[in-house]
Amino acid sequence: MIETRNLTKRFGGKAVVNDVSFRAEPGTVTGFLGPNGAGKTTMVCTAPRHRLGRMLISEAFLLLVTTEDGKWLASSQAVPIALAGGLLAELAANGRATLDGRGRLAPPADPSPLGDPILDRALETFLQKVGKKPKDVLGTVAKGLGDELYERLAAAGIVEIHRGRFLRPNRFPVRNPDARERVWDDVAAVLGGTAAPDLRTGTLLGLTQAAGAVPAIFPPERFGMSKKDLIVRAKQVTERDWASGAVSRAVHDAQVATMAAVTAAVTAATTAASTAASS
């Protein structure tokens, strides 16, 4: 079954799909009638993406790290880089990104677009930066990425948009906690050992670890572990071979690069804050 509630999709300021709800039951034929340009294709392409299995990995991570009142469970330096790392991992899983033996971006076997505008923009940036280390590129990819992903989640009715006023930042509280809970449950099952990791859940756990947010997102007491043991468990899972061959290597390399980039970003922010405080 496919069910969509209050689906809205905007291009610029124009709503091409506005507050549409429908349910397609198994074994039935569901059709959409309307003139050219009415938004039929947009509705069909947008609705299934925001079921758990069709989110971008970075969208699912952003949902994991966002509380119901719109706060982050990781540092403001770590989250944007981890989101960009999620795009790198997803591109790697699709054969569109790879690293060489020195940990630098290398030409992928297939540089063709995937058809998702956010992924394709990231792909273009990575292609332009072949020969660079990911930690020197992920910051560029991260600019504005969080807000753009939130806009897509908001269009699917998963988060709300509270526009900041007088230079205050926007807030994006979770509107549909069930969606976040489904992501949480899938990754928690892997962390707790009741499910085997796959490309998505393994990568999501890796991003959570890179952002230093494992205990904040997954309370240790829920797993009967100490904070230290939970962090060790997450590390063990993310280092395991949970994908096959070249895909496993490429995604693993992307996660290692993301962790290095997050560490560099947090260290730089901490150093800058210390220098400002002492001056």
C-alpha atoms as a PDB file:
ATOM      1  CA  MET A   1       0.000   0.000   0.000  1.00  0.00           C
ATOM      2  CA  ILE A   2       1.105   3.573  -0.724  1.00  0.00           C
ATOM      3  CA  GLU A   3      -0.461   6.294   1.386  1.00  0.00           C
ATOM      4  CA  THR A   4       0.231  10.018   1.167  1.00  0.00           C
ATOM      5  CA  ARG A   5      -1.209  12.673   3.432  1.00  0.00           C
ATOM      6  CA  ASN A   6      -1.191  16.434   2.880  1.00  0.00           C
ATOM      7  CA  LEU A   7       1.439  16.268   0.138  1.00  0.00           C
ATOM      8  CA  THR A   8       2.600  19.687  -1.061  1.00  0.00           C
ATOM      9  CA  LYS A   9       5.325  20.384  -3.616  1.00  0.00           C
ATOM     10  CA  ARG A  10       6.538  23.857  -4.549  1.00  0.00           C
ATOM     11  CA  PHE A  11       8.883  25.123  -7.236  1.00  0.00           C
ATOM     12  CA  GLY A  12       9.929  28.597  -6.204  1.00  0.00           C
ATOM     13  CA  GLY A  13       6.821  30.210  -4.791  1.00  0.00           C
ATOM     14  CA  LYS A  14       4.355  28.188  -6.866  1.00  0.00           C
ATOM     15  CA  ALA A  15       2.602  25.154  -5.375  1.00  0.00           C
ATOM     16  CA  VAL A  16       2.277  22.599  -8.172  1.00  0.00           C
ATOM     17  CA  VAL A  17       0.827  19.998  -5.776  1.00  0.00           C
ATOM     18  CA  ASN A  18      -1.139  21.389  -2.850  1.00  0.00           C
ATOM     19  CA  ASP A  19      -2.334  19.405   0.207  1.00  0.00           C
ATOM     20  CA  VAL A  20      -3.061  16.154  -1.671  1.00  0.00           C
ATOM     21  CA  SER A  21      -3.894  12.928   0.184  1.00  0.00           C
ATOM     22  CA  PHE A  22      -4.530   9.518  -1.364  1.00  0.00           C
ATOM     23  CA  ARG A  23      -4.175   5.791  -0.715  1.00  0.00           C
ATOM     24  CA  ALA A  24      -3.306   3.145  -3.311  1.00  0.00           C
ATOM     25  CA  GLU A  25      -4.419  -0.245  -1.968  1.00  0.00           C
ATOM     26  CA  PRO A  26      -2.683  -3.491  -3.000  1.00  0.00           C
ATOM     27  CA  GLY A  27      -4.331  -5.161  -5.997  1.00  0.00           C
ATOM     28  CA  THR A  28      -6.076  -1.994  -7.152  1.00  0.00           C
ATOM     29  CA  VAL A  29      -5.378   0.346 -10.064  1.00  0.00           C
ATOM     30  CA  THR A  30      -5.057   3.999  -9.117  1.00  0.00           C
ATOM     31  CA  GLY A  31      -4.942   6.691 -11.788  1.00  0.00           C
ATOM     32  CA  PHE A  32      -4.449  10.444 -11.841  1.00  0.00           C
ATOM     33  CA  LEU A  33      -6.334  12.562 -14.351  1.00  0.00           C
ATOM     34  CA  GLY A  34      -5.484  16.117 -15.323  1.00  0.00           C
ATOM     35  CA  PRO A  35      -4.151  18.302 -18.127  1.00  0.00           C
ATOM     36  CA  ASN A  36      -0.475  18.652 -18.965  1.00  0.00           C
ATOM     37  CA  GLY A  37       1.317  20.597 -16.262  1.00  0.00           C
ATOM     38  CA  ALA A  38      -1.258  19.842 -13.588  1.00  0.00           C
ATOM     39  CA  GLY A  39       1.347  18.097 -11.380  1.00  0.00           C
ATOM     40  CA  LYS A  40       0.502  14.421 -11.934  1.00  0.00           C
ATOM     41  CA  THR A  41       4.107  13.297 -12.483  1.00  0.00           C
ATOM     42  CA  THR A  42       5.399  15.530  -9.698  1.00  0.00           C
ATOM     43  CA  MET A  43       2.918  13.995  -7.256  1.00  0.00           C
ATOM     44  CA  VAL A  44       3.781  10.408  -8.200  1.00  0.00           C
ATOM     45  CA  CYS A  45       7.535  11.052  -8.082  1.00  0.00           C
ATOM     46  CA  THR A  46       7.412  12.944  -4.794  1.00  0.00           C
ATOM     47  CA  ALA A  47       5.040  10.794  -2.750  1.00  0.00           C
ATOM     48  CA  PRO A  48       6.888   7.436  -2.669  1.00  0.00           C
ATOM     49  CA  ARG A  49      10.263   9.061  -1.990  1.00  0.00           C
ATOM     50  CA  HIS A  50       9.283  10.025   1.500  1.00  0.00           C
ATOM     51  CA  ARG A  51       8.404   6.607   2.696  1.00  0.00           C
ATOM     52  CA  LEU A  52      11.356   5.376   4.780  1.00  0.00           C
ATOM     53  CA  GLY A  53      12.916   3.239   2.073  1.00  0.00           C
ATOM     54  CA  ARG A  54      12.911   6.032  -0.505  1.00  0.00           C
ATOM     55  CA  MET A  55      14.376   8.910   1.477  1.00  0.00           C
ATOM     56  CA  LEU A  56      17.872  10.024   0.696  1.00  0.00           C
ATOM     57  CA  ILE A  57      20.235   8.740   3.354  1.00  0.00           C
ATOM     58  CA  SER A  58      20.951  12.359   4.306  1.00  0.00           C
ATOM     59  CA  GLU A  59      17.223  13.065   4.725  1.00  0.00           C
ATOM     60  CA  ALA A  60      16.852  10.074   7.024  1.00  0.00           C
ATOM     61  CA  PHE A  61      19.919  11.143   9.027  1.00  0.00           C
ATOM     62  CA  LEU A  62      18.570  14.683   9.360  1.00  0.00           C
ATOM     63  CA  LEU A  63      15.304  13.262  10.660  1.00  0.00           C
ATOM     64  CA  LEU A  64      17.192  11.100  13.166  1.00  0.00           C
ATOM     65  CA  VAL A  65      19.200  14.009  14.521  1.00  0.00           C
ATOM     66  CA  THR A  66      16.208  16.391  14.812  1.00  0.00           C
ATOM     67  CA  THR A  67      14.076  16.460  17.941  1.00  0.00           C
ATOM     68  CA  GLU A  68      10.327  17.024  17.907  1.00  0.00           C
ATOM     69  CA  ASP A  69      10.852  20.680  18.790  1.00  0.00           C
ATOM     70  CA  GLY A  70      13.367  21.188  15.977  1.00  0.00           C
ATOM     71  CA  LYS A  71      16.645  21.039  17.894  1.00  0.00           C
ATOM     72  CA  TRP A  72      19.703  19.015  16.840  1.00  0.00           C
ATOM     73  CA  LEU A  73      21.100  16.127  18.864  1.00  0.00           C
ATOM     74  CA  ALA A  74      24.616  16.848  17.576  1.00  0.00           C
ATOM     75  CA  SER A  75      26.783  19.925  17.187  1.00  0.00           C
ATOM     76  CA  SER A  76      26.016  22.554  14.564  1.00  0.00           C
ATOM     77  CA  GLN A  77      29.475  21.981  13.091  1.00  0.00           C
ATOM     78  CA  ALA A  78      29.044  18.209  12.784  1.00  0.00           C
ATOM     79  CA  VAL A  79      25.548  17.917  11.309  1.00  0.00           C
ATOM     80  CA  PRO A  80      26.054  19.807   7.998  1.00  0.00           C
ATOM     81  CA  ILE A  81      29.255  17.903   7.199  1.00  0.00           C
ATOM     82  CA  ALA A  82      27.589  14.592   8.069  1.00  0.00           C
ATOM     83  CA  LEU A  83      24.700  15.476   5.726  1.00  0.00           C
ATOM     84  CA  ALA A  84      27.157  16.131   2.906  1.00  0.00           C
ATOM     85  CA  GLY A  85      28.908  12.876   3.790  1.00  0.00           C
ATOM     86  CA  GLY A  86      25.585  11.101   3.425  1.00  0.00           C
ATOM     87  CA  LEU A  87      25.348  12.353  -0.154  1.00  0.00           C
ATOM     88  CA  LEU A  88      28.899  11.177  -0.826  1.00  0.00           C
ATOM     89  CA  ALA A  89      28.050   7.724   0.566  1.00  0.00           C
ATOM     90  CA  GLU A  90      24.863   7.524  -1.494  1.00  0.00           C
ATOM     91  CA  LEU A  91      26.726   8.520  -4.652  1.00  0.00           C
ATOM     92  CA  ALA A  92      29.412   5.931  -3.845  1.00  0.00           C
ATOM     93  CA  ALA A  93      26.760   3.257  -3.410  1.00  0.00           C
ATOM     94  CA  ASN A  94      25.454   4.130  -6.871  1.00  0.00           C
ATOM     95  CA  GLY A  95      28.872   4.067  -8.536  1.00  0.00           C
ATOM     96  CA  ARG A  96      29.041   7.869  -8.858  1.00  0.00           C
ATOM     97  CA  ALA A  97      31.802   8.558  -6.346  1.00  0.00           C
ATOM     98  CA  THR A  98      34.998   6.825  -5.345  1.00  0.00           C
ATOM     99  CA  LEU A  99      38.263   7.564  -3.568  1.00  0.00           C
ATOM    100  CA  ASP A 100      41.752   6.562  -4.668  1.00  0.00           C
ATOM    101  CA  GLY A 101      44.427   4.905  -2.550  1.00  0.00           C
ATOM    102  CA  ARG A 102      45.451   8.274  -1.101  1.00  0.00           C
ATOM    103  CA  GLY A 103      41.920   9.036   0.065  1.00  0.00           C
ATOM    104  CA  ARG A 104      41.303  11.630  -2.644  1.00  0.00           C
ATOM    105  CA  LEU A 105      38.285  11.933  -4.919  1.00  0.00           C
ATOM    106  CA  ALA A 106      38.792   9.910  -8.086  1.00  0.00           C
ATOM    107  CA  PRO A 107      36.839   9.828 -11.369  1.00  0.00           C
ATOM    108  CA  PRO A 108      33.871   7.461 -10.883  1.00  0.00           C
ATOM    109  CA  ALA A 109      33.109   4.627 -13.264  1.00  0.00           C
ATOM    110  CA  ASP A 110      29.775   6.251 -14.085  1.00  0.00           C
ATOM    111  CA  PRO A 111      29.551  10.069 -13.829  1.00  0.00           C
ATOM    112  CA  SER A 112      25.999  10.290 -15.204  1.00  0.00           C
ATOM    113  CA  PRO A 113      23.300  12.080 -13.135  1.00  0.00           C
ATOM    114  CA  LEU A 114      20.909  10.055 -10.989  1.00  0.00           C
ATOM    115  CA  GLY A 115      17.886  12.291 -11.537  1.00  0.00           C
ATOM    116  CA  ASP A 116      17.693  13.691  -8.002  1.00  0.00           C
ATOM    117  CA  PRO A 117      18.572  17.411  -8.008  1.00  0.00           C
ATOM    118  CA  ILE A 118      20.306  17.398  -4.624  1.00  0.00           C
ATOM    119  CA  LEU A 119      22.379  14.318  -5.406  1.00  0.00           C
ATOM    120  CA  ASP A 120      23.191  15.568  -8.897  1.00  0.00           C
ATOM    121  CA  ARG A 121      24.433  18.952  -7.623  1.00  0.00           C
ATOM    122  CA  ALA A 122      26.663  17.161  -5.130  1.00  0.00           C
ATOM    123  CA  LEU A 123      27.878  14.855  -7.905  1.00  0.00           C
ATOM    124  CA  GLU A 124      28.802  17.865 -10.048  1.00  0.00           C
ATOM    125  CA  THR A 125      30.781  19.377  -7.178  1.00  0.00           C
ATOM    126  CA  PHE A 126      32.652  16.147  -6.466  1.00  0.00           C
ATOM    127  CA  LEU A 127      33.482  15.736 -10.170  1.00  0.00           C
ATOM    128  CA  GLN A 128      34.873  19.275 -10.255  1.00  0.00           C
ATOM    129  CA  LYS A 129      37.032  18.514  -7.221  1.00  0.00           C
ATOM    130  CA  VAL A 130      38.611  15.239  -8.386  1.00  0.00           C
ATOM    131  CA  GLY A 131      42.046  14.978  -6.779  1.00  0.00           C
ATOM    132  CA  LYS A 132      40.938  16.764  -3.590  1.00  0.00           C
ATOM    133  CA  LYS A 133      40.365  15.146  -0.212  1.00  0.00           C
ATOM    134  CA  PRO A 134      36.672  14.939   0.748  1.00  0.00           C
ATOM    135  CA  LYS A 135      37.248  16.962   3.909  1.00  0.00           C
ATOM    136  CA  ASP A 136      38.201  19.889   1.665  1.00  0.00           C
ATOM    137  CA  VAL A 137      35.014  19.523  -0.407  1.00  0.00           C
ATOM    138  CA  LEU A 138      32.250  18.446   1.969  1.00  0.00           C
ATOM    139  CA  GLY A 139      31.998  21.932   3.445  1.00  0.00           C
ATOM    140  CA  THR A 140      31.108  23.310   0.017  1.00  0.00           C
ATOM    141  CA  VAL A 141      28.476  20.613  -0.521  1.00  0.00           C
ATOM    142  CA  ALA A 142      27.081  21.265   2.976  1.00  0.00           C
ATOM    143  CA  LYS A 143      26.243  24.942   2.364  1.00  0.00           C
ATOM    144  CA  GLY A 144      22.478  25.335   2.523  1.00  0.00           C
ATOM    145  CA  LEU A 145      22.002  21.560   2.374  1.00  0.00           C
ATOM    146  CA  GLY A 146      20.222  21.205   5.714  1.00  0.00           C
ATOM    147  CA  ASP A 147      17.554  23.773   4.844  1.00  0.00           C
ATOM    148  CA  GLU A 148      17.059  22.220   1.408  1.00  0.00           C
ATOM    149  CA  LEU A 149      16.564  18.756   2.879  1.00  0.00           C
ATOM    150  CA  TYR A 150      14.194  20.169   5.490  1.00  0.00           C
ATOM    151  CA  GLU A 151      12.176  21.835   2.724  1.00  0.00           C
ATOM    152  CA  ARG A 152      11.709  18.439   1.077  1.00  0.00           C
ATOM    153  CA  LEU A 153      10.730  16.809   4.346  1.00  0.00           C
ATOM    154  CA  ALA A 154       8.311  19.668   4.964  1.00  0.00           C
ATOM    155  CA  ALA A 155       6.771  19.188   1.510  1.00  0.00           C
ATOM    156  CA  ALA A 156       6.083  15.591   2.523  1.00  0.00           C
ATOM    157  CA  GLY A 157       4.444  16.650   5.791  1.00  0.00           C
ATOM    158  CA  ILE A 158       7.235  15.192   7.944  1.00  0.00           C
ATOM    159  CA  VAL A 159       8.555  18.421   9.482  1.00  0.00           C
ATOM    160  CA  GLU A 160       7.168  21.933   9.870  1.00  0.00           C
ATOM    161  CA  ILE A 161       8.903  25.153   8.865  1.00  0.00           C
ATOM    162  CA  HIS A 162       9.077  27.921  11.470  1.00  0.00           C
ATOM    163  CA  ARG A 163      10.707  30.860   9.699  1.00  0.00           C
ATOM    164  CA  GLY A 164      13.175  32.787  11.821  1.00  0.00           C
ATOM    165  CA  ARG A 165      12.609  36.511  12.249  1.00  0.00           C
ATOM    166  CA  PHE A 166      15.103  39.287  12.904  1.00  0.00           C
ATOM    167  CA  LEU A 167      18.157  37.202  11.926  1.00  0.00           C
ATOM    168  CA  ARG A 168      17.043  34.195  13.946  1.00  0.00           C
ATOM    169  CA  PRO A 169      17.560  30.847  12.179  1.00  0.00           C
ATOM    170  CA  ASN A 170      14.703  28.773  10.833  1.00  0.00           C
ATOM    171  CA  ARG A 171      13.433  25.891  12.958  1.00  0.00           C
ATOM    172  CA  PHE A 172      12.069  22.614  11.636  1.00  0.00           C
ATOM    173  CA  PRO A 173      10.175  20.701  14.357  1.00  0.00           C
ATOM    174  CA  VAL A 174       9.093  17.176  13.504  1.00  0.00           C
ATOM    175  CA  ARG A 175       5.442  17.127  12.466  1.00  0.00           C
ATOM    176  CA  ASN A 176       5.175  13.389  11.867  1.00  0.00           C
ATOM    177  CA  PRO A 177       7.011  11.583  14.709  1.00  0.00           C
ATOM    178  CA  ASP A 178       5.994   8.218  13.235  1.00  0.00           C
ATOM    179  CA  ALA A 179       8.301   8.846  10.280  1.00  0.00           C
ATOM    180  CA  ARG A 180      11.237   9.567  12.573  1.00  0.00           C
ATOM    181  CA  GLU A 181      10.353   6.554  14.718  1.00  0.00           C
ATOM    182  CA  ARG A 182      10.463   4.244  11.688  1.00  0.00           C
ATOM    183  CA  VAL A 183      13.968   5.442  10.835  1.00  0.00           C
ATOM    184  CA  TRP A 184      14.993   5.123  14.491  1.00  0.00           C
ATOM    185  CA  ASP A 185      13.585   1.602  14.786  1.00  0.00           C
ATOM    186  CA  ASP A 186      15.456   0.366  11.708  1.00  0.00           C
ATOM    187  CA  VAL A 187      18.823   1.696  12.849  1.00  0.00           C
ATOM    188  CA  ALA A 188      18.215   0.709  16.486  1.00  0.00           C
ATOM    189  CA  ALA A 189      17.562  -2.883  15.393  1.00  0.00           C
ATOM    190  CA  VAL A 190      21.000  -2.942  13.783  1.00  0.00           C
ATOM    191  CA  LEU A 191      22.641  -1.329  16.802  1.00  0.00           C
ATOM    192  CA  GLY A 192      20.909  -3.770  19.133  1.00  0.00           C
ATOM    193  CA  GLY A 193      21.895  -6.788  17.049  1.00  0.00           C
ATOM    194  CA  THR A 194      18.385  -7.910  16.103  1.00  0.00           C
ATOM    195  CA  ALA A 195      18.831  -7.008  12.428  1.00  0.00           C
ATOM    196  CA  ALA A 196      21.742  -7.131  10.012  1.00  0.00           C
ATOM    197  CA  PRO A 197      22.979  -3.788   8.666  1.00  0.00           C
ATOM    198  CA  ASP A 198      22.414  -2.955   5.037  1.00  0.00           C
ATOM    199  CA  LEU A 199      23.608  -0.082   2.901  1.00  0.00           C
ATOM    200  CA  ARG A 200      21.117   2.404   4.340  1.00  0.00           C
ATOM    201  CA  THR A 201      21.079   1.429   8.018  1.00  0.00           C
ATOM    202  CA  GLY A 202      24.833   0.823   8.081  1.00  0.00           C
ATOM    203  CA  THR A 203      25.512   4.209   6.537  1.00  0.00           C
ATOM    204  CA  LEU A 204      23.024   5.961   8.834  1.00  0.00           C
ATOM    205  CA  LEU A 205      24.721   4.475  11.872  1.00  0.00           C
ATOM    206  CA  GLY A 206      28.087   5.518  10.439  1.00  0.00           C
ATOM    207  CA  LEU A 207      26.908   9.113  10.006  1.00  0.00           C
ATOM    208  CA  THR A 208      25.508   9.122  13.537  1.00  0.00           C
ATOM    209  CA  GLN A 209      28.860   7.912  14.823  1.00  0.00           C
ATOM    210  CA  ALA A 210      30.736  10.494  12.725  1.00  0.00           C
ATOM    211  CA  ALA A 211      28.576  13.265  14.205  1.00  0.00           C
ATOM    212  CA  GLY A 212      29.281  12.013  17.724  1.00  0.00           C
ATOM    213  CA  ALA A 213      25.568  11.583  18.307  1.00  0.00           C
ATOM    214  CA  VAL A 214      25.128   7.860  19.002  1.00  0.00           C
ATOM    215  CA  PRO A 215      24.274   8.160  22.743  1.00  0.00           C
ATOM    216  CA  ALA A 216      22.100  11.234  22.178  1.00  0.00           C
ATOM    217  CA  ILE A 217      19.982   9.612  19.465  1.00  0.00           C
ATOM    218  CA  PHE A 218      20.058   6.082  20.908  1.00  0.00           C
ATOM    219  CA  PRO A 219      19.907   6.280  24.727  1.00  0.00           C
ATOM    220  CA  PRO A 220      22.200   3.559  26.141  1.00  0.00           C
ATOM    221  CA  GLU A 221      19.615   2.438  28.700  1.00  0.00           C
ATOM    222  CA  ARG A 222      17.284   1.420  25.863  1.00  0.00           C
ATOM    223  CA  PHE A 223      19.871  -1.191  24.898  1.00  0.00           C
ATOM    224  CA  GLY A 224      20.960  -2.227  28.396  1.00  0.00           C
ATOM    225  CA  MET A 225      24.448  -0.845  27.717  1.00  0.00           C
ATOM    226  CA  SER A 226      26.704   1.801  29.138  1.00  0.00           C
ATOM    227  CA  LYS A 227      27.422   4.863  27.012  1.00  0.00           C
ATOM    228  CA  LYS A 228      30.938   3.581  26.353  1.00  0.00           C
ATOM    229  CA  ASP A 229      29.745   0.108  25.329  1.00  0.00           C
ATOM    230  CA  LEU A 230      27.108   1.589  23.014  1.00  0.00           C
ATOM    231  CA  ILE A 231      29.716   3.704  21.227  1.00  0.00           C
ATOM    232  CA  VAL A 232      31.979   0.668  20.870  1.00  0.00           C
ATOM    233  CA  ARG A 233      29.056  -1.368  19.515  1.00  0.00           C
ATOM    234  CA  ALA A 234      28.269   1.317  16.919  1.00  0.00           C
ATOM    235  CA  LYS A 235      31.915   1.374  15.832  1.00  0.00           C
ATOM    236  CA  GLN A 236      31.965  -2.410  15.470  1.00  0.00           C
ATOM    237  CA  VAL A 237      28.823  -2.399  13.329  1.00  0.00           C
ATOM    238  CA  THR A 238      29.973   0.374  11.014  1.00  0.00           C
ATOM    239  CA  GLU A 239      33.332  -1.314  10.440  1.00  0.00           C
ATOM    240  CA  ARG A 240      31.732  -4.639   9.517  1.00  0.00           C
ATOM    241  CA  ASP A 241      31.398  -5.728   5.877  1.00  0.00           C
ATOM    242  CA  TRP A 242      27.663  -5.213   5.340  1.00  0.00           C
ATOM    243  CA  ALA A 243      27.758  -4.611   1.589  1.00  0.00           C
ATOM    244  CA  SER A 244      29.441  -6.475  -1.204  1.00  0.00           C
ATOM    245  CA  GLY A 245      32.797  -5.892  -2.879  1.00  0.00           C
ATOM    246  CA  ALA A 246      33.483  -2.523  -4.454  1.00  0.00           C
ATOM    247  CA  VAL A 247      30.286  -1.006  -3.074  1.00  0.00           C
ATOM    248  CA  SER A 248      31.336  -1.862   0.470  1.00  0.00           C
ATOM    249  CA  ARG A 249      34.789  -0.356  -0.055  1.00  0.00           C
ATOM    250  CA  ALA A 250      33.474   2.831  -1.650  1.00  0.00           C
ATOM    251  CA  VAL A 251      30.845   3.449   1.025  1.00  0.00           C
ATOM    252  CA  HIS A 252      33.307   2.618   3.808  1.00  0.00           C
ATOM    253  CA  ASP A 253      35.825   5.073   2.342  1.00  0.00           C
ATOM    254  CA  ALA A 254      33.102   7.735   2.188  1.00  0.00           C
ATOM    255  CA  GLN A 255      32.257   7.175   5.864  1.00  0.00           C
ATOM    256  CA  VAL A 256      35.919   7.368   6.922  1.00  0.00           C
ATOM    257  CA  ALA A 257      36.305  10.585   4.926  1.00  0.00           C
ATOM    258  CA  THR A 258      33.162  12.019   6.506  1.00  0.00           C
ATOM    259  CA  MET A 259      34.408  11.253  10.000  1.00  0.00           C
ATOM    260  CA  ALA A 260      37.713  13.000   9.230  1.00  0.00           C
ATOM    261  CA  ALA A 261      35.847  16.013   7.834  1.00  0.00           C
ATOM    262  CA  VAL A 262      33.519  16.235  10.847  1.00  0.00           C
ATOM    263  CA  THR A 263      36.493  16.035  13.230  1.00  0.00           C
ATOM    264  CA  ALA A 264      38.294  18.785  11.308  1.00  0.00           C
ATOM    265  CA  ALA A 265      35.200  21.029  11.298  1.00  0.00           C
ATOM    266  CA  VAL A 266      34.528  20.598  15.029  1.00  0.00           C
ATOM    267  CA  THR A 267      38.217  21.125  15.888  1.00  0.00           C
ATOM    268  CA  ALA A 268      38.375  24.290  13.780  1.00  0.00           C
ATOM    269  CA  ALA A 269      35.233  25.679  15.440  1.00  0.00           C
ATOM    270  CA  THR A 270      36.546  24.860  18.916  1.00  0.00           C
ATOM    271  CA  THR A 271      39.904  26.490  18.159  1.00  0.00           C
ATOM    272  CA  ALA A 272      38.217  29.607  16.786  1.00  0.00           C
ATOM    273  CA  ALA A 273      35.990  29.861  19.865  1.00  0.00           C
ATOM    274  CA  SER A 274      38.967  29.474  22.208  1.00  0.00           C
ATOM    275  CA  THR A 275      40.946  32.121  20.323  1.00  0.00           C
ATOM    276  CA  ALA A 276      38.016  34.531  20.438  1.00  0.00           C
ATOM    277  CA  ALA A 277      37.510  33.936  24.152  1.00  0.00           C
ATOM    278  CA  SER A 278      41.170  34.581  24.969  1.00  0.00           C
ATOM    279  CA  SER A 279      41.470  37.751  22.873  1.00  0.00           C
END
